[in-house]
C-alpha atoms as a PDB file:
ATOM      1  CA  MET A   1     -80.652 203.732 -25.357  1.00  0.00           C
ATOM      2  CA  ALA A   2     -79.685 207.390 -25.816  1.00  0.00           C
ATOM      3  CA  ALA A   3     -77.180 208.346 -28.437  1.00  0.00           C
ATOM      4  CA  HIS A   4     -75.681 211.806 -29.087  1.00  0.00           C
ATOM      5  CA  TRP A   5     -75.048 212.461 -32.742  1.00  0.00           C
ATOM      6  CA  LYS A   6     -72.846 215.267 -33.991  1.00  0.00           C
ATOM      7  CA  THR A   7     -71.943 215.655 -37.658  1.00  0.00           C
ATOM      8  CA  CYS A   8     -68.250 216.217 -37.925  1.00  0.00           C
ATOM      9  CA  GLY A   9     -68.050 216.795 -41.643  1.00  0.00           C
ATOM     10  CA  ALA A  10     -69.052 215.630 -45.070  1.00  0.00           C
ATOM     11  CA  ALA A  11     -67.092 214.466 -48.082  1.00  0.00           C
ATOM     12  CA  SER A  12     -68.244 214.394 -51.667  1.00  0.00           C
ATOM     13  CA  PRO A  13     -67.272 211.231 -53.526  1.00  0.00           C
ATOM     14  CA  PRO A  14     -66.247 211.473 -57.080  1.00  0.00           C
ATOM     15  CA  SER A  15     -68.859 211.905 -59.872  1.00  0.00           C
ATOM     16  CA  SER A  16     -72.547 211.979 -59.082  1.00  0.00           C
ATOM     17  CA  ALA A  17     -72.661 209.880 -55.918  1.00  0.00           C
ATOM     18  CA  PRO A  18     -74.237 211.644 -52.868  1.00  0.00           C
ATOM     19  CA  ALA A  19     -72.031 213.027 -50.191  1.00  0.00           C
ATOM     20  CA  ALA A  20     -70.628 210.768 -47.496  1.00  0.00           C
ATOM     21  CA  ARG A  21     -71.546 211.871 -44.078  1.00  0.00           C
ATOM     22  CA  PHE A  22     -69.112 211.310 -41.142  1.00  0.00           C
ATOM     23  CA  CYS A  23     -70.643 211.332 -37.689  1.00  0.00           C
ATOM     24  CA  HIS A  24     -69.158 211.247 -34.202  1.00  0.00           C
ATOM     25  CA  THR A  25     -71.271 209.152 -31.898  1.00  0.00           C
ATOM     26  CA  GLY A  26     -71.072 209.455 -28.083  1.00  0.00           C
ATOM     27  CA  TRP A  27     -72.709 206.881 -25.838  1.00  0.00           C
ATOM     28  CA  ASN A  28     -73.513 207.229 -22.140  1.00  0.00           C
ATOM     29  CA  ARG A  29     -72.750 203.808 -20.792  1.00  0.00           C
ATOM     30  CA  SER A  30     -73.086 204.847 -17.135  1.00  0.00           C
ATOM     31  CA  SER A  31     -76.825 205.131 -17.473  1.00  0.00           C
ATOM     32  CA  PRO A  32     -78.819 201.921 -16.858  1.00  0.00           C
ATOM     33  CA  SER A  33     -80.799 202.586 -19.966  1.00  0.00           C
ATOM     34  CA  THR A  34     -77.632 202.642 -22.074  1.00  0.00           C
ATOM     35  CA  ALA A  35     -75.646 199.817 -20.422  1.00  0.00           C
ATOM     36  CA  ALA A  36     -75.639 197.755 -23.652  1.00  0.00           C
ATOM     37  CA  ALA A  37     -74.579 200.687 -25.870  1.00  0.00           C
ATOM     38  CA  GLY A  38     -71.326 199.014 -26.792  1.00  0.00           C
ATOM     39  CA  ILE A  39     -73.128 196.113 -28.569  1.00  0.00           C
ATOM     40  CA  THR A  40     -72.282 196.916 -32.179  1.00  0.00           C
ATOM     41  CA  PRO A  41     -75.254 195.305 -33.957  1.00  0.00           C
ATOM     42  CA  GLU A  42     -77.578 197.462 -31.884  1.00  0.00           C
ATOM     43  CA  ILE A  43     -75.530 200.638 -32.590  1.00  0.00           C
ATOM     44  CA  LEU A  44     -75.523 199.889 -36.342  1.00  0.00           C
ATOM     45  CA  ARG A  45     -79.372 199.405 -36.266  1.00  0.00           C
ATOM     46  CA  ARG A  46     -79.874 202.711 -34.538  1.00  0.00           C
ATOM     47  CA  MET A  47     -77.454 204.470 -36.847  1.00  0.00           C
ATOM     48  CA  GLU A  48     -79.271 203.107 -39.855  1.00  0.00           C
ATOM     49  CA  LYS A  49     -82.527 204.594 -38.621  1.00  0.00           C
ATOM     50  CA  GLY A  50     -80.951 208.024 -38.454  1.00  0.00           C
ATOM     51  CA  VAL A  51     -79.249 208.028 -41.844  1.00  0.00           C
ATOM     52  CA  PRO A  52     -80.256 211.183 -43.743  1.00  0.00           C
ATOM     53  CA  PRO A  53     -81.849 210.580 -47.154  1.00  0.00           C
ATOM     54  CA  GLY A  54     -79.292 210.615 -49.901  1.00  0.00           C
ATOM     55  CA  SER A  55     -76.379 209.671 -47.660  1.00  0.00           C
ATOM     56  CA  TRP A  56     -73.801 207.560 -49.239  1.00  0.00           C
ATOM     57  CA  ARG A  57     -71.943 206.016 -46.206  1.00  0.00           C
ATOM     58  CA  VAL A  58     -72.133 206.821 -42.454  1.00  0.00           C
ATOM     59  CA  LEU A  59     -69.192 206.222 -40.106  1.00  0.00           C
ATOM     60  CA  GLY A  60     -69.758 206.431 -36.425  1.00  0.00           C
ATOM     61  CA  VAL A  61     -66.769 207.018 -34.189  1.00  0.00           C
ATOM     62  CA  THR A  62     -66.955 206.467 -30.410  1.00  0.00           C
ATOM     63  CA  GLY A  63     -64.483 206.462 -27.505  1.00  0.00           C
ATOM     64  CA  ASN A  64     -66.482 203.712 -25.784  1.00  0.00           C
ATOM     65  CA  ASP A  65     -65.556 200.072 -25.929  1.00  0.00           C
ATOM     66  CA  LEU A  66     -67.463 198.028 -28.536  1.00  0.00           C
ATOM     67  CA  PHE A  67     -68.369 194.342 -28.422  1.00  0.00           C
ATOM     68  CA  MET A  68     -70.577 191.809 -30.161  1.00  0.00           C
ATOM     69  CA  PRO A  69     -72.524 189.080 -28.470  1.00  0.00           C
ATOM     70  CA  ILE A  70     -69.938 186.467 -29.576  1.00  0.00           C
ATOM     71  CA  LEU A  71     -66.816 188.542 -28.971  1.00  0.00           C
ATOM     72  CA  THR A  72     -65.518 190.277 -25.867  1.00  0.00           C
ATOM     73  CA  PHE A  73     -64.485 193.317 -27.954  1.00  0.00           C
ATOM     74  CA  VAL A  74     -64.209 194.660 -31.501  1.00  0.00           C
ATOM     75  CA  PHE A  75     -62.374 197.698 -32.898  1.00  0.00           C
ATOM     76  CA  GLY A  76     -65.222 198.265 -35.243  1.00  0.00           C
ATOM     77  CA  GLU A  77     -68.116 196.728 -37.215  1.00  0.00           C
ATOM     78  CA  ALA A  78     -69.893 197.446 -40.355  1.00  0.00           C
ATOM     79  CA  GLN A  79     -72.991 196.436 -42.321  1.00  0.00           C
ATOM     80  CA  LEU A  80     -71.712 194.254 -45.214  1.00  0.00           C
ATOM     81  CA  ASN A  81     -72.865 195.798 -48.507  1.00  0.00           C
ATOM     82  CA  ASN A  82     -74.801 198.523 -46.673  1.00  0.00           C
ATOM     83  CA  THR A  83     -74.478 202.131 -45.381  1.00  0.00           C
ATOM     84  CA  CYS A  84     -73.278 202.127 -41.783  1.00  0.00           C
ATOM     85  CA  ALA A  85     -70.010 201.376 -39.983  1.00  0.00           C
ATOM     86  CA  VAL A  86     -68.739 202.145 -36.492  1.00  0.00           C
ATOM     87  CA  VAL A  87     -65.218 202.297 -35.049  1.00  0.00           C
ATOM     88  CA  SER A  88     -63.996 202.786 -31.530  1.00  0.00           C
ATOM     89  CA  SER A  89     -60.882 204.533 -30.263  1.00  0.00           C
ATOM     90  CA  HIS A  90     -61.146 202.863 -26.791  1.00  0.00           C
ATOM     91  CA  ARG A  91     -58.673 199.991 -27.387  1.00  0.00           C
ATOM     92  CA  LEU A  92     -56.763 201.926 -30.036  1.00  0.00           C
ATOM     93  CA  ARG A  93     -55.398 204.339 -27.461  1.00  0.00           C
ATOM     94  CA  GLN A  94     -52.007 203.559 -25.929  1.00  0.00           C
ATOM     95  CA  GLU A  95     -53.395 204.588 -22.484  1.00  0.00           C
ATOM     96  CA  PHE A  96     -55.701 201.488 -22.600  1.00  0.00           C
ATOM     97  CA  TYR A  97     -52.499 199.358 -22.313  1.00  0.00           C
ATOM     98  CA  GLY A  98     -50.925 201.456 -19.592  1.00  0.00           C
ATOM     99  CA  LEU A  99     -48.637 203.303 -21.993  1.00  0.00           C
ATOM    100  CA  PRO A 100     -48.181 207.097 -22.570  1.00  0.00           C
ATOM    101  CA  PRO A 101     -50.454 208.770 -25.139  1.00  0.00           C
ATOM    102  CA  MET A 102     -49.332 208.722 -28.804  1.00  0.00           C
ATOM    103  CA  PRO A 103     -51.825 210.919 -30.728  1.00  0.00           C
ATOM    104  CA  GLU A 104     -50.225 210.119 -34.121  1.00  0.00           C
ATOM    105  CA  LEU A 105     -50.345 206.421 -33.519  1.00  0.00           C
ATOM    106  CA  LEU A 106     -54.033 206.683 -32.491  1.00  0.00           C
ATOM    107  CA  ARG A 107     -54.724 208.690 -35.657  1.00  0.00           C
ATOM    108  CA  GLU A 108     -53.049 205.982 -37.845  1.00  0.00           C
ATOM    109  CA  ARG A 109     -55.005 203.238 -36.062  1.00  0.00           C
ATOM    110  CA  LEU A 110     -58.339 205.024 -36.407  1.00  0.00           C
ATOM    111  CA  LEU A 111     -57.631 205.620 -40.113  1.00  0.00           C
ATOM    112  CA  LYS A 112     -56.910 201.938 -40.685  1.00  0.00           C
ATOM    113  CA  GLU A 113     -59.964 200.798 -38.783  1.00  0.00           C
ATOM    114  CA  ALA A 114     -62.216 203.339 -40.506  1.00  0.00           C
ATOM    115  CA  VAL A 115     -61.055 202.330 -44.010  1.00  0.00           C
ATOM    116  CA  HIS A 116     -61.346 198.668 -43.031  1.00  0.00           C
ATOM    117  CA  GLU A 117     -64.993 199.034 -41.787  1.00  0.00           C
ATOM    118  CA  LEU A 118     -65.964 201.203 -44.759  1.00  0.00           C
ATOM    119  CA  GLY A 119     -64.485 198.486 -47.017  1.00  0.00           C
ATOM    120  CA  HIS A 120     -66.993 196.077 -45.506  1.00  0.00           C
ATOM    121  CA  THR A 121     -69.814 198.491 -46.469  1.00  0.00           C
ATOM    122  CA  PHE A 122     -68.612 198.035 -50.027  1.00  0.00           C
ATOM    123  CA  GLY A 123     -68.895 194.262 -49.733  1.00  0.00           C
ATOM    124  CA  LEU A 124     -65.239 193.499 -48.946  1.00  0.00           C
ATOM    125  CA  THR A 125     -64.534 190.567 -46.635  1.00  0.00           C
ATOM    126  CA  HIS A 126     -61.341 189.972 -44.700  1.00  0.00           C
ATOM    127  CA  CYS A 127     -58.267 189.662 -46.952  1.00  0.00           C
ATOM    128  CA  ARG A 128     -55.423 187.076 -46.688  1.00  0.00           C
ATOM    129  CA  ASP A 129     -52.859 189.741 -47.642  1.00  0.00           C
ATOM    130  CA  TYR A 130     -51.393 190.779 -44.249  1.00  0.00           C
ATOM    131  CA  ASN A 131     -50.408 194.201 -45.643  1.00  0.00           C
ATOM    132  CA  CYS A 132     -53.910 195.010 -46.855  1.00  0.00           C
ATOM    133  CA  VAL A 133     -56.178 197.185 -44.728  1.00  0.00           C
ATOM    134  CA  MET A 134     -58.888 194.511 -45.073  1.00  0.00           C
ATOM    135  CA  THR A 135     -56.895 191.858 -43.155  1.00  0.00           C
ATOM    136  CA  ALA A 136     -58.524 190.833 -39.955  1.00  0.00           C
ATOM    137  CA  SER A 137     -57.148 192.533 -36.791  1.00  0.00           C
ATOM    138  CA  HIS A 138     -57.834 190.761 -33.565  1.00  0.00           C
ATOM    139  CA  ALA A 139     -55.125 192.704 -31.592  1.00  0.00           C
ATOM    140  CA  VAL A 140     -53.957 196.270 -31.770  1.00  0.00           C
ATOM    141  CA  GLU A 141     -50.414 195.054 -32.775  1.00  0.00           C
ATOM    142  CA  ARG A 142     -51.904 193.607 -35.962  1.00  0.00           C
ATOM    143  CA  ILE A 143     -53.434 196.977 -36.828  1.00  0.00           C
ATOM    144  CA  ASP A 144     -49.973 198.504 -36.459  1.00  0.00           C
ATOM    145  CA  LEU A 145     -48.486 196.006 -38.858  1.00  0.00           C
ATOM    146  CA  LYS A 146     -50.995 196.240 -41.687  1.00  0.00           C
ATOM    147  CA  GLY A 147     -51.129 199.085 -44.152  1.00  0.00           C
ATOM    148  CA  SER A 148     -53.830 201.756 -44.523  1.00  0.00           C
ATOM    149  CA  HIS A 149     -54.560 200.947 -48.165  1.00  0.00           C
ATOM    150  CA  PHE A 150     -56.297 198.147 -50.055  1.00  0.00           C
ATOM    151  CA  CYS A 151     -54.204 195.474 -51.807  1.00  0.00           C
ATOM    152  CA  GLY A 152     -54.651 195.252 -55.590  1.00  0.00           C
ATOM    153  CA  ASP A 153     -57.372 192.595 -55.371  1.00  0.00           C
ATOM    154  CA  CYS A 154     -59.467 194.516 -52.746  1.00  0.00           C
ATOM    155  CA  ARG A 155     -58.944 197.820 -54.654  1.00  0.00           C
ATOM    156  CA  ALA A 156     -60.200 196.210 -57.866  1.00  0.00           C
ATOM    157  CA  ARG A 157     -63.274 194.824 -56.033  1.00  0.00           C
ATOM    158  CA  VAL A 158     -64.199 198.000 -54.215  1.00  0.00           C
ATOM    159  CA  THR A 159     -63.766 200.307 -57.269  1.00  0.00           C
ATOM    160  CA  THR A 160     -66.741 198.509 -58.783  1.00  0.00           C
ATOM    161  CA  PHE A 161     -68.842 200.318 -56.125  1.00  0.00           C
ATOM    162  CA  LEU A 162     -67.213 203.749 -56.800  1.00  0.00           C
ATOM    163  CA  PRO A 163     -67.910 206.070 -59.706  1.00  0.00           C
ATOM    164  CA  ALA A 164     -64.197 206.754 -60.069  1.00  0.00           C
ATOM    165  CA  LYS A 165     -60.914 205.137 -59.041  1.00  0.00           C
ATOM    166  CA  LYS A 166     -60.031 207.642 -56.333  1.00  0.00           C
ATOM    167  CA  PHE A 167     -62.078 208.319 -53.221  1.00  0.00           C
ATOM    168  CA  LEU A 168     -60.909 210.233 -50.152  1.00  0.00           C
ATOM    169  CA  GLY A 169     -57.261 209.375 -50.833  1.00  0.00           C
ATOM    170  CA  ILE A 170     -57.608 205.622 -49.955  1.00  0.00           C
ATOM    171  CA  PHE A 171     -56.352 204.496 -53.407  1.00  0.00           C
END
């Protein structure tokens, strides 16, 4: 499976934690050798092998559809209590549903899914608070209804992983 990695930027977390590296991942699904590129556990394993030493978290973003062996699709997936997460814009785009493009809505959906998957890397599981970014989203409409921030309980749990109470504006 071939992957094309391009570092889009880096962000320094508060205090002495190493910089977070954000990557854009492009997959060539048309090639027979990459036909299974949308299987998220495999993507995460390959991402983990390429994590630069000292990285804090790695977020992969792709335009290709993602799925797991037990699910027909996922908006994203992460390694619980680990370094890597991946999200896809494929089903977050209005065009997927036959509607006109809405770039701002796509940006909001990507933000929510990125924060959600990064929350899993900090050990958070799905939340029962339907406004919390950590609530499960099995349909794009559910993503639109939830917030982009952690609820009080999830915020308290994730801050135990962070050297300060604010990180990248998600608190």
